[in-house]
Structures are given as C-alpha cells and as structure tokens.
Protein backbone atom coordinates (compact mmCIF):
# COMPACT_ATOMS: atom_id res chain seq x y z
CA UNK A 1 -34.25 13.74 7.66
CA UNK A 2 -35.62 10.35 6.72
CA UNK A 3 -35.06 11.10 3.02
CA UNK A 4 -31.37 11.88 3.65
CA UNK A 5 -30.89 8.68 5.67
CA UNK A 6 -32.66 6.62 3.01
CA UNK A 7 -30.60 8.16 0.21
CA UNK A 8 -27.32 7.70 2.07
CA UNK A 9 -28.20 4.04 2.77
CA UNK A 10 -28.93 3.48 -0.94
CA UNK A 11 -25.64 5.07 -1.97
CA UNK A 12 -23.74 3.04 0.63
CA UNK A 13 -25.41 -0.21 -0.50
CA UNK A 14 -24.65 0.66 -4.14
CA UNK A 15 -20.91 0.98 -3.43
CA UNK A 16 -20.78 -2.11 -1.18
CA UNK A 17 -22.54 -4.32 -3.73
CA UNK A 18 -20.33 -2.95 -6.49
CA UNK A 19 -17.18 -3.71 -4.51
CA UNK A 20 -18.37 -7.25 -3.69
CA UNK A 21 -18.96 -8.03 -7.36
CA UNK A 22 -15.54 -6.77 -8.50
CA UNK A 23 -12.93 -9.19 -9.73
CA UNK A 24 -10.06 -7.09 -11.09
CA UNK A 25 -10.98 -4.07 -8.97
CA UNK A 26 -10.06 -5.76 -5.70
CA UNK A 27 -6.54 -6.38 -6.95
CA UNK A 28 -6.29 -2.78 -8.12
CA UNK A 29 -7.43 -1.51 -4.71
CA UNK A 30 -4.79 -3.73 -3.10
CA UNK A 31 -2.12 -2.20 -5.34
CA UNK A 32 -3.38 1.30 -4.48
CA UNK A 33 -3.24 0.45 -0.76
CA UNK A 34 0.32 -0.83 -1.02
CA UNK A 35 1.41 2.28 -2.93
CA UNK A 36 -0.19 4.55 -0.33
CA UNK A 37 1.58 2.65 2.43
CA UNK A 38 4.91 3.10 0.65
CA UNK A 39 4.31 6.81 0.05
CA UNK A 40 3.07 7.57 3.56
CA UNK A 41 5.38 5.53 5.77
CA UNK A 42 8.51 4.53 3.90
CA UNK A 43 9.09 7.90 2.22
CA UNK A 44 8.40 9.71 5.50
CA UNK A 45 11.05 7.68 7.28
CA UNK A 46 13.63 8.00 4.50
CA UNK A 47 13.18 11.59 3.32
CA UNK A 48 11.61 13.51 6.22
CA UNK A 49 13.57 12.92 9.43
CA UNK A 50 12.44 14.57 12.65
CA UNK A 51 15.01 17.36 12.78
CA UNK A 52 13.58 19.00 15.89
CA UNK A 53 14.09 15.81 17.91
CA UNK A 54 17.65 15.52 16.67
CA UNK A 55 18.60 19.15 17.38
CA UNK A 56 16.88 19.72 20.74
CA UNK A 57 16.63 17.68 23.93
CA UNK A 58 13.33 18.91 25.36
CA UNK A 59 9.95 20.30 24.26
CA UNK A 60 10.62 23.83 25.54
CA UNK A 61 13.66 24.27 23.31
CA UNK A 62 11.74 22.88 20.34
CA UNK A 63 8.81 25.21 20.97
CA UNK A 64 11.09 28.24 21.33
CA UNK A 65 12.83 27.40 18.05
CA UNK A 66 9.52 27.06 16.18
CA UNK A 67 8.06 30.27 17.63
CA UNK A 68 11.21 32.23 16.82
CA UNK A 69 11.19 31.00 13.21
CA UNK A 70 7.48 31.63 12.73
CA UNK A 71 7.65 35.17 14.10
CA UNK A 72 10.96 36.11 12.50
CA UNK A 73 10.72 39.35 10.49
CA UNK A 74 12.80 39.42 7.34
C-alpha cells in the first residue's frame, strides 16, 4: 500500500511541477476551460430546452410520460 501511495504522490508532484513551470500551457488551458464552459452551459441552454417542464405541470405527469415512452412496444 505504501508503494502505491508513494507512486501516486510522485505522479501528482510531477504534474503539479510541470503545470507551475508552463508559460504558454496556462493560456491554452484557459482557452480549453472557456470552450468547455461554452459547450456545456451555453449550448445546453440554447439547443436543449427542458421540454418536460414546458409540457407538464407536475412530477407525476412527467414520470408517467417517461415511463410510457420507455415501455412503449413498437
């Protein structure tokens, strides 16, 4: 167990020291973070509206709709 902890600490320290010594990499990580924010939050709001909340007033109606569509035999 001690070997695993020691190895994981070395790997963690390796990545931390590498990130601290970066110059261009920090800017690239910032750009990656901004892009992920745009993809996750902005696109979700614009392209994936919550249709169940718009169609139904309460949780029981939403649950019934989902169960009926999941168990529908075609």
